[in-house]
C-alpha atoms as a PDB file:
ATOM      1  CA  MET A   1      95.869 338.826 235.614  1.00  0.00           C
ATOM      2  CA  TYR A   2      94.610 335.272 235.442  1.00  0.00           C
ATOM      3  CA  PRO A   3      91.285 334.521 233.817  1.00  0.00           C
ATOM      4  CA  SER A   4      88.273 333.891 236.005  1.00  0.00           C
ATOM      5  CA  GLY A   5      88.022 330.305 237.247  1.00  0.00           C
ATOM      6  CA  SER A   6      91.728 329.616 236.773  1.00  0.00           C
ATOM      7  CA  THR A   7      93.360 327.260 239.229  1.00  0.00           C
ATOM      8  CA  LEU A   8      96.512 329.400 239.212  1.00  0.00           C
ATOM      9  CA  HIS A   9      96.866 331.875 242.049  1.00  0.00           C
ATOM     10  CA  GLN A  10      99.468 334.539 242.500  1.00  0.00           C
ATOM     11  CA  GLY A  11     102.211 333.438 244.830  1.00  0.00           C
ATOM     12  CA  HIS A  12     101.519 329.716 244.450  1.00  0.00           C
ATOM     13  CA  PRO A  13     103.608 327.507 242.114  1.00  0.00           C
ATOM     14  CA  ILE A  14     101.919 325.365 239.466  1.00  0.00           C
ATOM     15  CA  GLN A  15     101.193 321.875 240.865  1.00  0.00           C
ATOM     16  CA  ARG A  16     102.043 319.133 238.385  1.00  0.00           C
ATOM     17  CA  PRO A  17     100.556 315.685 238.849  1.00  0.00           C
ATOM     18  CA  ARG A  18     102.975 313.136 240.231  1.00  0.00           C
ATOM     19  CA  LEU A  19     103.122 309.519 239.183  1.00  0.00           C
ATOM     20  CA  SER A  20     102.495 307.013 241.934  1.00  0.00           C
ATOM     21  CA  LEU A  21     105.038 304.360 242.827  1.00  0.00           C
ATOM     22  CA  ARG A  22     102.836 301.741 241.165  1.00  0.00           C
ATOM     23  CA  ALA A  23     102.737 303.769 237.945  1.00  0.00           C
ATOM     24  CA  TRP A  24     106.518 304.123 237.943  1.00  0.00           C
ATOM     25  CA  LEU A  25     106.962 300.389 238.527  1.00  0.00           C
ATOM     26  CA  THR A  26     104.483 299.587 235.734  1.00  0.00           C
ATOM     27  CA  LEU A  27     106.321 301.936 233.372  1.00  0.00           C
ATOM     28  CA  ALA A  28     109.698 300.439 234.281  1.00  0.00           C
ATOM     29  CA  LEU A  29     108.360 296.905 233.819  1.00  0.00           C
ATOM     30  CA  GLY A  30     106.879 297.852 230.455  1.00  0.00           C
ATOM     31  CA  ILE A  31     110.189 299.315 229.265  1.00  0.00           C
ATOM     32  CA  LEU A  32     111.993 296.192 230.478  1.00  0.00           C
ATOM     33  CA  VAL A  33     109.563 293.873 228.664  1.00  0.00           C
ATOM     34  CA  VAL A  34     109.821 295.880 225.441  1.00  0.00           C
ATOM     35  CA  GLY A  35     113.612 295.832 225.706  1.00  0.00           C
ATOM     36  CA  PHE A  36     113.711 292.079 226.193  1.00  0.00           C
ATOM     37  CA  GLY A  37     111.214 291.679 223.351  1.00  0.00           C
ATOM     38  CA  ILE A  38     113.364 293.662 220.940  1.00  0.00           C
ATOM     39  CA  ARG A  39     116.487 291.791 221.998  1.00  0.00           C
ATOM     40  CA  PHE A  40     114.663 288.471 221.655  1.00  0.00           C
ATOM     41  CA  GLY A  41     113.403 289.376 218.188  1.00  0.00           C
ATOM     42  CA  LEU A  42     116.853 290.425 216.977  1.00  0.00           C
ATOM     43  CA  THR A  43     118.804 287.474 218.369  1.00  0.00           C
ATOM     44  CA  PHE A  44     116.345 284.573 218.089  1.00  0.00           C
ATOM     45  CA  PRO A  45     117.295 281.923 215.462  1.00  0.00           C
ATOM     46  CA  TRP A  46     114.162 282.342 213.354  1.00  0.00           C
ATOM     47  CA  ALA A  47     115.733 280.580 210.374  1.00  0.00           C
ATOM     48  CA  GLN A  48     116.219 277.379 212.383  1.00  0.00           C
ATOM     49  CA  THR A  49     112.597 277.513 213.520  1.00  0.00           C
ATOM     50  CA  SER A  50     111.466 277.906 209.915  1.00  0.00           C
ATOM     51  CA  ASP A  51     113.630 274.970 208.830  1.00  0.00           C
ATOM     52  CA  SER A  52     112.203 272.756 211.593  1.00  0.00           C
ATOM     53  CA  LEU A  53     108.644 273.561 210.545  1.00  0.00           C
ATOM     54  CA  ARG A  54     109.375 273.041 206.861  1.00  0.00           C
ATOM     55  CA  ASP A  55     110.960 269.650 207.483  1.00  0.00           C
ATOM     56  CA  SER A  56     108.228 268.474 209.865  1.00  0.00           C
ATOM     57  CA  ASN A  57     106.589 265.079 209.569  1.00  0.00           C
ATOM     58  CA  TRP A  58     103.193 266.259 208.336  1.00  0.00           C
ATOM     59  CA  LEU A  59     101.656 262.789 208.579  1.00  0.00           C
ATOM     60  CA  LEU A  60     102.529 262.630 212.276  1.00  0.00           C
ATOM     61  CA  LEU A  61     101.159 266.147 212.790  1.00  0.00           C
ATOM     62  CA  ALA A  62      97.923 265.094 211.080  1.00  0.00           C
ATOM     63  CA  GLY A  63      97.708 262.150 213.456  1.00  0.00           C
ATOM     64  CA  ALA A  64      98.237 264.503 216.396  1.00  0.00           C
ATOM     65  CA  GLY A  65      95.370 266.633 215.109  1.00  0.00           C
ATOM     66  CA  VAL A  66      93.066 263.615 214.907  1.00  0.00           C
ATOM     67  CA  ILE A  67      93.797 262.351 218.410  1.00  0.00           C
ATOM     68  CA  ASN A  68      93.423 265.889 219.773  1.00  0.00           C
ATOM     69  CA  VAL A  69      89.824 265.807 218.508  1.00  0.00           C
ATOM     70  CA  VAL A  70      89.407 262.378 220.131  1.00  0.00           C
ATOM     71  CA  SER A  71      90.562 263.846 223.457  1.00  0.00           C
ATOM     72  CA  LEU A  72      87.886 266.539 223.178  1.00  0.00           C
ATOM     73  CA  MET A  73      85.290 263.852 222.498  1.00  0.00           C
ATOM     74  CA  ALA A  74      86.322 262.084 225.710  1.00  0.00           C
ATOM     75  CA  LYS A  75      85.920 265.409 227.502  1.00  0.00           C
ATOM     76  CA  GLY A  76      82.486 265.877 225.918  1.00  0.00           C
ATOM     77  CA  SER A  77      81.396 262.390 226.965  1.00  0.00           C
ATOM     78  CA  ALA A  78      82.358 263.099 230.582  1.00  0.00           C
ATOM     79  CA  TRP A  79      80.341 266.329 230.499  1.00  0.00           C
ATOM     80  CA  HIS A  80      77.357 264.472 228.998  1.00  0.00           C
ATOM     81  CA  LEU A  81      77.383 261.927 231.836  1.00  0.00           C
ATOM     82  CA  LEU A  82      77.248 264.749 234.377  1.00  0.00           C
ATOM     83  CA  LEU A  83      74.688 266.943 232.624  1.00  0.00           C
ATOM     84  CA  ARG A  84      72.203 264.173 231.881  1.00  0.00           C
ATOM     85  CA  ARG A  85      71.707 263.714 235.627  1.00  0.00           C
ATOM     86  CA  LEU A  86      70.113 267.167 235.628  1.00  0.00           C
ATOM     87  CA  THR A  87      68.231 267.312 232.337  1.00  0.00           C
ATOM     88  CA  PRO A  88      67.793 265.230 229.163  1.00  0.00           C
ATOM     89  CA  ILE A  89      70.489 265.875 226.577  1.00  0.00           C
ATOM     90  CA  ARG A  90      71.622 263.803 223.629  1.00  0.00           C
ATOM     91  CA  ALA A  91      75.186 262.543 223.533  1.00  0.00           C
ATOM     92  CA  GLY A  92      75.637 264.051 220.066  1.00  0.00           C
ATOM     93  CA  THR A  93      74.571 267.473 221.299  1.00  0.00           C
ATOM     94  CA  ALA A  94      77.104 267.355 224.124  1.00  0.00           C
ATOM     95  CA  GLN A  95      79.863 266.320 221.717  1.00  0.00           C
ATOM     96  CA  ILE A  96      79.099 269.029 219.168  1.00  0.00           C
ATOM     97  CA  ALA A  97      78.768 271.660 221.905  1.00  0.00           C
ATOM     98  CA  THR A  98      82.162 270.652 223.293  1.00  0.00           C
ATOM     99  CA  LEU A  99      83.838 270.902 219.882  1.00  0.00           C
ATOM    100  CA  ILE A 100      82.215 274.279 219.179  1.00  0.00           C
ATOM    101  CA  GLY A 101      83.242 275.521 222.620  1.00  0.00           C
ATOM    102  CA  ALA A 102      86.831 274.420 222.011  1.00  0.00           C
ATOM    103  CA  ALA A 103      86.780 276.212 218.648  1.00  0.00           C
ATOM    104  CA  VAL A 104      85.551 279.425 220.291  1.00  0.00           C
ATOM    105  CA  ASN A 105      88.211 279.175 222.994  1.00  0.00           C
ATOM    106  CA  SER A 106      90.910 278.678 220.358  1.00  0.00           C
ATOM    107  CA  ILE A 107      90.423 282.214 218.998  1.00  0.00           C
ATOM    108  CA  SER A 108      89.129 284.112 222.037  1.00  0.00           C
ATOM    109  CA  VAL A 109      90.821 285.730 225.000  1.00  0.00           C
ATOM    110  CA  SER A 110      88.227 284.812 227.594  1.00  0.00           C
ATOM    111  CA  VAL A 111      86.866 281.351 228.310  1.00  0.00           C
ATOM    112  CA  SER A 112      83.723 282.229 226.386  1.00  0.00           C
ATOM    113  CA  GLY A 113      83.843 278.776 224.816  1.00  0.00           C
ATOM    114  CA  GLU A 114      82.241 277.387 227.973  1.00  0.00           C
ATOM    115  CA  ALA A 115      79.350 279.816 227.570  1.00  0.00           C
ATOM    116  CA  ALA A 116      79.117 278.825 223.892  1.00  0.00           C
ATOM    117  CA  ARG A 117      78.806 275.171 224.957  1.00  0.00           C
ATOM    118  CA  ALA A 118      75.915 276.031 227.236  1.00  0.00           C
ATOM    119  CA  GLN A 119      74.294 278.187 224.542  1.00  0.00           C
ATOM    120  CA  HIS A 120      74.487 275.387 221.964  1.00  0.00           C
ATOM    121  CA  ALA A 121      73.049 272.828 224.406  1.00  0.00           C
ATOM    122  CA  ARG A 122      70.148 275.178 225.081  1.00  0.00           C
ATOM    123  CA  SER A 123      69.438 275.832 221.401  1.00  0.00           C
ATOM    124  CA  ARG A 124      69.627 272.154 220.359  1.00  0.00           C
ATOM    125  CA  ASP A 125      68.088 270.268 223.295  1.00  0.00           C
ATOM    126  CA  GLY A 126      66.518 273.013 225.396  1.00  0.00           C
ATOM    127  CA  VAL A 127      68.995 272.617 228.238  1.00  0.00           C
ATOM    128  CA  PRO A 128      68.495 275.474 230.763  1.00  0.00           C
ATOM    129  CA  PHE A 129      71.585 277.685 230.780  1.00  0.00           C
ATOM    130  CA  LYS A 130      71.938 277.562 234.576  1.00  0.00           C
ATOM    131  CA  LEU A 131      71.924 273.755 234.610  1.00  0.00           C
ATOM    132  CA  ALA A 132      74.484 273.634 231.802  1.00  0.00           C
ATOM    133  CA  ALA A 133      76.645 276.139 233.676  1.00  0.00           C
ATOM    134  CA  ALA A 134      76.439 274.092 236.886  1.00  0.00           C
ATOM    135  CA  SER A 135      77.431 270.943 234.997  1.00  0.00           C
ATOM    136  CA  LEU A 136      80.394 272.755 233.433  1.00  0.00           C
ATOM    137  CA  VAL A 137      81.594 273.795 236.889  1.00  0.00           C
ATOM    138  CA  ALA A 138      81.344 270.175 238.025  1.00  0.00           C
ATOM    139  CA  SER A 139      83.102 269.109 234.834  1.00  0.00           C
ATOM    140  CA  ARG A 140      86.034 271.409 235.599  1.00  0.00           C
ATOM    141  CA  VAL A 141      86.380 269.885 239.054  1.00  0.00           C
ATOM    142  CA  VAL A 142      86.348 266.380 237.593  1.00  0.00           C
ATOM    143  CA  GLU A 143      88.900 267.418 234.940  1.00  0.00           C
ATOM    144  CA  ALA A 144      91.221 268.784 237.626  1.00  0.00           C
ATOM    145  CA  LEU A 145      90.897 265.538 239.570  1.00  0.00           C
ATOM    146  CA  GLY A 146      91.469 263.617 236.346  1.00  0.00           C
ATOM    147  CA  LEU A 147      94.715 265.546 235.841  1.00  0.00           C
ATOM    148  CA  VAL A 148      95.882 264.529 239.321  1.00  0.00           C
ATOM    149  CA  VAL A 149      94.985 260.875 238.652  1.00  0.00           C
ATOM    150  CA  PHE A 150      96.715 261.003 235.260  1.00  0.00           C
ATOM    151  CA  LEU A 151      99.906 262.491 236.676  1.00  0.00           C
ATOM    152  CA  ALA A 152      99.922 260.020 239.571  1.00  0.00           C
ATOM    153  CA  GLY A 153      99.517 257.059 237.233  1.00  0.00           C
ATOM    154  CA  ALA A 154     102.096 258.353 234.740  1.00  0.00           C
ATOM    155  CA  LEU A 155     104.717 258.903 237.422  1.00  0.00           C
ATOM    156  CA  LEU A 156     104.080 255.574 239.147  1.00  0.00           C
ATOM    157  CA  LEU A 157     103.973 253.414 236.022  1.00  0.00           C
ATOM    158  CA  PHE A 158     106.679 255.284 234.121  1.00  0.00           C
ATOM    159  CA  PRO A 159     109.357 256.730 236.438  1.00  0.00           C
ATOM    160  CA  LEU A 160     110.246 259.513 234.031  1.00  0.00           C
ATOM    161  CA  TRP A 161     112.876 261.065 236.311  1.00  0.00           C
ATOM    162  CA  ALA A 162     114.545 260.463 239.655  1.00  0.00           C
ATOM    163  CA  GLY A 163     111.987 260.716 242.417  1.00  0.00           C
ATOM    164  CA  ALA A 164     109.055 260.471 240.011  1.00  0.00           C
ATOM    165  CA  ARG A 165     107.436 257.626 241.965  1.00  0.00           C
ATOM    166  CA  THR A 166     107.607 259.691 245.151  1.00  0.00           C
ATOM    167  CA  THR A 167     105.787 262.515 243.403  1.00  0.00           C
ATOM    168  CA  GLY A 168     103.242 260.011 242.126  1.00  0.00           C
ATOM    169  CA  LEU A 169     102.604 258.718 245.648  1.00  0.00           C
ATOM    170  CA  ILE A 170     102.095 262.286 246.860  1.00  0.00           C
ATOM    171  CA  LEU A 171      99.485 262.803 244.130  1.00  0.00           C
ATOM    172  CA  VAL A 172      97.765 259.571 245.182  1.00  0.00           C
ATOM    173  CA  ALA A 173      97.600 260.979 248.699  1.00  0.00           C
ATOM    174  CA  VAL A 174      96.124 264.215 247.318  1.00  0.00           C
ATOM    175  CA  THR A 175      93.432 262.170 245.559  1.00  0.00           C
ATOM    176  CA  ALA A 176      92.649 260.323 248.779  1.00  0.00           C
ATOM    177  CA  VAL A 177      92.384 263.605 250.692  1.00  0.00           C
ATOM    178  CA  ALA A 178      90.031 265.008 248.031  1.00  0.00           C
ATOM    179  CA  ALA A 179      87.813 261.916 248.364  1.00  0.00           C
ATOM    180  CA  ALA A 180      87.781 262.303 252.158  1.00  0.00           C
ATOM    181  CA  ILE A 181      86.824 265.972 251.891  1.00  0.00           C
ATOM    182  CA  TYR A 182      84.037 264.992 249.509  1.00  0.00           C
ATOM    183  CA  HIS A 183      82.572 262.672 252.160  1.00  0.00           C
ATOM    184  CA  LEU A 184      82.935 265.220 254.964  1.00  0.00           C
ATOM    185  CA  LEU A 185      81.444 268.254 253.232  1.00  0.00           C
ATOM    186  CA  PRO A 186      77.811 268.886 254.279  1.00  0.00           C
ATOM    187  CA  ARG A 187      75.562 268.319 251.241  1.00  0.00           C
ATOM    188  CA  LYS A 188      73.007 270.836 252.467  1.00  0.00           C
ATOM    189  CA  ARG A 189      75.345 273.717 251.612  1.00  0.00           C
ATOM    190  CA  TRP A 190      75.873 272.563 248.037  1.00  0.00           C
ATOM    191  CA  HIS A 191      74.115 274.055 245.062  1.00  0.00           C
ATOM    192  CA  PRO A 192      71.070 271.823 244.339  1.00  0.00           C
ATOM    193  CA  ALA A 193      72.288 271.043 240.814  1.00  0.00           C
ATOM    194  CA  LEU A 194      75.742 270.055 242.056  1.00  0.00           C
ATOM    195  CA  ALA A 195      74.192 267.922 244.788  1.00  0.00           C
ATOM    196  CA  ARG A 196      72.118 266.042 242.210  1.00  0.00           C
ATOM    197  CA  MET A 197      75.107 265.414 239.968  1.00  0.00           C
ATOM    198  CA  LEU A 198      77.349 264.228 242.781  1.00  0.00           C
ATOM    199  CA  ALA A 199      74.730 262.464 244.895  1.00  0.00           C
ATOM    200  CA  THR A 200      75.913 259.022 243.790  1.00  0.00           C
ATOM    201  CA  GLY A 201      79.288 259.566 245.477  1.00  0.00           C
ATOM    202  CA  PRO A 202      82.761 258.700 244.167  1.00  0.00           C
ATOM    203  CA  ALA A 203      81.518 255.492 242.516  1.00  0.00           C
ATOM    204  CA  GLY A 204      79.112 257.511 240.409  1.00  0.00           C
ATOM    205  CA  LEU A 205      81.967 259.761 239.290  1.00  0.00           C
ATOM    206  CA  ALA A 206      84.108 256.839 238.160  1.00  0.00           C
ATOM    207  CA  ALA A 207      83.028 256.997 234.497  1.00  0.00           C
ATOM    208  CA  PRO A 208      83.380 260.809 234.081  1.00  0.00           C
ATOM    209  CA  LEU A 209      86.705 260.684 235.930  1.00  0.00           C
ATOM    210  CA  ALA A 210      87.954 257.859 233.702  1.00  0.00           C
ATOM    211  CA  LEU A 211      86.989 259.798 230.576  1.00  0.00           C
ATOM    212  CA  THR A 212      88.729 262.980 231.717  1.00  0.00           C
ATOM    213  CA  THR A 213      91.807 260.932 232.586  1.00  0.00           C
ATOM    214  CA  VAL A 214      91.735 259.495 229.061  1.00  0.00           C
ATOM    215  CA  ASN A 215      91.498 263.067 227.791  1.00  0.00           C
ATOM    216  CA  TRP A 216      94.742 263.974 229.584  1.00  0.00           C
ATOM    217  CA  ILE A 217      96.493 260.825 228.363  1.00  0.00           C
ATOM    218  CA  ILE A 218      95.620 261.645 224.753  1.00  0.00           C
ATOM    219  CA  GLN A 219      96.690 265.252 225.271  1.00  0.00           C
ATOM    220  CA  TRP A 220     100.060 263.932 226.436  1.00  0.00           C
ATOM    221  CA  LEU A 221     100.329 261.904 223.256  1.00  0.00           C
ATOM    222  CA  THR A 222      99.300 264.957 221.192  1.00  0.00           C
ATOM    223  CA  TYR A 223     102.140 266.969 222.707  1.00  0.00           C
ATOM    224  CA  HIS A 224     104.643 264.161 222.189  1.00  0.00           C
ATOM    225  CA  TRP A 225     103.721 263.578 218.548  1.00  0.00           C
ATOM    226  CA  SER A 226     103.809 267.300 217.789  1.00  0.00           C
ATOM    227  CA  PHE A 227     107.275 267.622 219.299  1.00  0.00           C
ATOM    228  CA  VAL A 228     108.637 264.543 217.547  1.00  0.00           C
ATOM    229  CA  ALA A 229     107.120 265.657 214.221  1.00  0.00           C
ATOM    230  CA  THR A 230     109.174 268.861 214.260  1.00  0.00           C
ATOM    231  CA  GLY A 231     112.399 266.975 214.856  1.00  0.00           C
ATOM    232  CA  ALA A 232     112.760 267.795 218.539  1.00  0.00           C
ATOM    233  CA  ALA A 233     114.622 265.136 220.507  1.00  0.00           C
ATOM    234  CA  VAL A 234     112.157 264.536 223.339  1.00  0.00           C
ATOM    235  CA  THR A 235     111.318 261.804 225.786  1.00  0.00           C
ATOM    236  CA  PRO A 236     107.884 261.162 227.304  1.00  0.00           C
ATOM    237  CA  ALA A 237     109.097 263.023 230.412  1.00  0.00           C
ATOM    238  CA  VAL A 238     109.808 266.154 228.390  1.00  0.00           C
ATOM    239  CA  SER A 239     106.408 265.978 226.695  1.00  0.00           C
ATOM    240  CA  LEU A 240     104.737 265.570 230.081  1.00  0.00           C
ATOM    241  CA  ALA A 241     106.584 268.598 231.452  1.00  0.00           C
ATOM    242  CA  ALA A 242     105.566 270.618 228.377  1.00  0.00           C
ATOM    243  CA  LEU A 243     101.917 269.655 228.901  1.00  0.00           C
ATOM    244  CA  VAL A 244     101.980 270.861 232.506  1.00  0.00           C
ATOM    245  CA  MET A 245     103.920 274.059 231.695  1.00  0.00           C
ATOM    246  CA  SER A 246     101.683 275.187 228.850  1.00  0.00           C
ATOM    247  CA  ASN A 247      98.479 274.522 230.812  1.00  0.00           C
ATOM    248  CA  ILE A 248      99.751 276.526 233.782  1.00  0.00           C
ATOM    249  CA  ALA A 249     100.897 279.385 231.535  1.00  0.00           C
ATOM    250  CA  GLY A 250      97.536 279.431 229.755  1.00  0.00           C
ATOM    251  CA  ILE A 251      95.352 279.822 232.838  1.00  0.00           C
ATOM    252  CA  LEU A 252      95.100 283.620 232.491  1.00  0.00           C
ATOM    253  CA  ARG A 253      94.416 283.531 228.724  1.00  0.00           C
ATOM    254  CA  LEU A 254      96.206 286.789 227.935  1.00  0.00           C
ATOM    255  CA  THR A 255      95.994 286.424 224.140  1.00  0.00           C
ATOM    256  CA  PRO A 256      93.469 284.931 221.685  1.00  0.00           C
ATOM    257  CA  GLY A 257      93.822 281.181 221.997  1.00  0.00           C
ATOM    258  CA  ASN A 258      96.903 281.807 224.197  1.00  0.00           C
ATOM    259  CA  ILE A 259      98.989 282.192 221.061  1.00  0.00           C
ATOM    260  CA  GLY A 260     102.445 283.368 222.003  1.00  0.00           C
ATOM    261  CA  VAL A 261     101.900 282.520 225.656  1.00  0.00           C
ATOM    262  CA  MET A 262     102.194 278.776 225.093  1.00  0.00           C
ATOM    263  CA  GLN A 263     105.186 279.192 222.786  1.00  0.00           C
ATOM    264  CA  GLY A 264     106.925 281.495 225.267  1.00  0.00           C
ATOM    265  CA  SER A 265     106.372 279.061 228.131  1.00  0.00           C
ATOM    266  CA  LEU A 266     107.815 276.224 226.056  1.00  0.00           C
ATOM    267  CA  VAL A 267     110.855 278.239 224.923  1.00  0.00           C
ATOM    268  CA  LEU A 268     111.636 279.124 228.539  1.00  0.00           C
ATOM    269  CA  GLY A 269     110.635 275.829 230.132  1.00  0.00           C
ATOM    270  CA  MET A 270     112.354 273.545 227.661  1.00  0.00           C
ATOM    271  CA  GLN A 271     115.703 275.135 228.450  1.00  0.00           C
ATOM    272  CA  ALA A 272     115.696 272.980 231.583  1.00  0.00           C
ATOM    273  CA  PHE A 273     115.750 269.953 229.252  1.00  0.00           C
ATOM    274  CA  GLU A 274     118.483 271.466 227.051  1.00  0.00           C
ATOM    275  CA  MET A 275     116.149 271.860 224.094  1.00  0.00           C
ATOM    276  CA  PRO A 276     117.292 274.612 221.690  1.00  0.00           C
ATOM    277  CA  PRO A 277     114.898 277.597 221.653  1.00  0.00           C
ATOM    278  CA  ALA A 278     114.340 277.250 217.902  1.00  0.00           C
ATOM    279  CA  ASN A 279     113.137 273.656 218.308  1.00  0.00           C
ATOM    280  CA  ALA A 280     110.929 274.582 221.259  1.00  0.00           C
ATOM    281  CA  LEU A 281     109.299 277.413 219.315  1.00  0.00           C
ATOM    282  CA  ALA A 282     108.766 275.207 216.255  1.00  0.00           C
ATOM    283  CA  ALA A 283     107.187 272.525 218.428  1.00  0.00           C
ATOM    284  CA  GLY A 284     104.955 275.116 220.105  1.00  0.00           C
ATOM    285  CA  LEU A 285     103.779 276.546 216.784  1.00  0.00           C
ATOM    286  CA  ALA A 286     103.090 273.074 215.377  1.00  0.00           C
ATOM    287  CA  LEU A 287     101.232 272.102 218.543  1.00  0.00           C
ATOM    288  CA  GLN A 288      99.073 275.237 218.379  1.00  0.00           C
ATOM    289  CA  ALA A 289      98.193 274.502 214.749  1.00  0.00           C
ATOM    290  CA  VAL A 290      97.322 270.906 215.636  1.00  0.00           C
ATOM    291  CA  GLN A 291      95.062 272.016 218.479  1.00  0.00           C
ATOM    292  CA  VAL A 292      93.385 274.941 216.699  1.00  0.00           C
ATOM    293  CA  ILE A 293      92.979 274.368 212.956  1.00  0.00           C
ATOM    294  CA  PRO A 294      91.083 271.020 212.938  1.00  0.00           C
ATOM    295  CA  VAL A 295      88.845 272.027 215.847  1.00  0.00           C
ATOM    296  CA  LEU A 296      88.112 275.429 214.316  1.00  0.00           C
ATOM    297  CA  LEU A 297      87.144 273.850 210.997  1.00  0.00           C
ATOM    298  CA  ILE A 298      84.907 271.314 212.764  1.00  0.00           C
ATOM    299  CA  GLY A 299      83.265 274.017 214.882  1.00  0.00           C
ATOM    300  CA  ILE A 300      82.499 276.201 211.868  1.00  0.00           C
ATOM    301  CA  GLY A 301      81.353 273.133 209.960  1.00  0.00           C
ATOM    302  CA  PHE A 302      78.768 272.280 212.611  1.00  0.00           C
ATOM    303  CA  ALA A 303      77.566 275.799 213.388  1.00  0.00           C
ATOM    304  CA  GLY A 304      78.185 277.532 210.055  1.00  0.00           C
ATOM    305  CA  ALA A 305      80.242 280.717 209.755  1.00  0.00           C
ATOM    306  CA  GLN A 306      77.383 282.990 210.789  1.00  0.00           C
ATOM    307  CA  GLY A 307      76.176 280.702 213.567  1.00  0.00           C
ATOM    308  CA  PHE A 308      79.711 280.346 214.886  1.00  0.00           C
ATOM    309  CA  ARG A 309      80.103 284.130 214.933  1.00  0.00           C
ATOM    310  CA  GLN A 310      76.820 284.469 216.820  1.00  0.00           C
ATOM    311  CA  LEU A 311      77.888 281.859 219.367  1.00  0.00           C
ATOM    312  CA  MET A 312      81.122 283.781 219.922  1.00  0.00           C
ATOM    313  CA  GLU A 313      79.219 287.026 220.475  1.00  0.00           C
ATOM    314  CA  ARG A 314      76.716 285.392 222.826  1.00  0.00           C
ATOM    315  CA  GLY A 315      79.498 283.591 224.654  1.00  0.00           C
ATOM    316  CA  GLU A 316      81.379 286.851 225.241  1.00  0.00           C
ATOM    317  CA  SER A 317      78.273 288.623 226.530  1.00  0.00           C
ATOM    318  CA  ALA A 318      76.905 285.736 228.604  1.00  0.00           C
ATOM    319  CA  PRO A 319      78.075 285.098 232.180  1.00  0.00           C
ATOM    320  CA  THR A 320      80.933 282.628 232.076  1.00  0.00           C
ATOM    321  CA  PRO A 321      80.096 279.297 233.768  1.00  0.00           C
END
């Protein structure tokens, strides 16, 4: 006899739970990824990567680290120009908040660095969090437009590959379409804060757009110097492709600071330019160090170890702008 309350009944077979098709596909994909990971780890030329890093031009890497900070300052200046249209904020506060936010993003999975920027602006200059968040949204839009302008200019002025000027002209057309949409969109439906920031029209966005474009230009140089410093034979076209690849791969932020994701995208993407995987990985590791270590030290230096930890915790718990 079966105990009372048992789900087993005489004459009926035991029903075992069945995995769904999605579960089977997820399991198969996981096994495939693990298999490729093991094969990659056993066959990858780690010694060559180590040699490339050991023989790197450390002076050039230091220069890449310095200009990377300069690019963040250009980004902070663009944000300051937008935010000050909503509320008073000192330029120094915007700069420090941007550096602290970049430091938080460099070791976090989420984009909590943006929330940390808003938190720091509120604590230093009393900037309302909602206004800071609105300005960060506008800043992202301007940064995306700055990327389009940067790519258009780079491909028109420096035809890095066959058909590059055609691609540049297409990006110019995209910029023109974006400006037309800006004029046609009804302002009444906009968020009041966004309407105030963008009320001056495209001419009023010229300075923030120029600064974000400068940010992308310096980022391009940061990538190029980091690659050259590790001994990789690269052209400006390769560095530009690496910049685009790593930024696309890092959108989802699957790991803290996207470590591993950026390197994987470079190892795979640089094969199209016949760059050996060992050199691509060395360049990716050097680039990550250039982008993370100086900014992290600056962020902790401004906020203090405890303050930086608190900003990280608040940034993770706060709604992301």
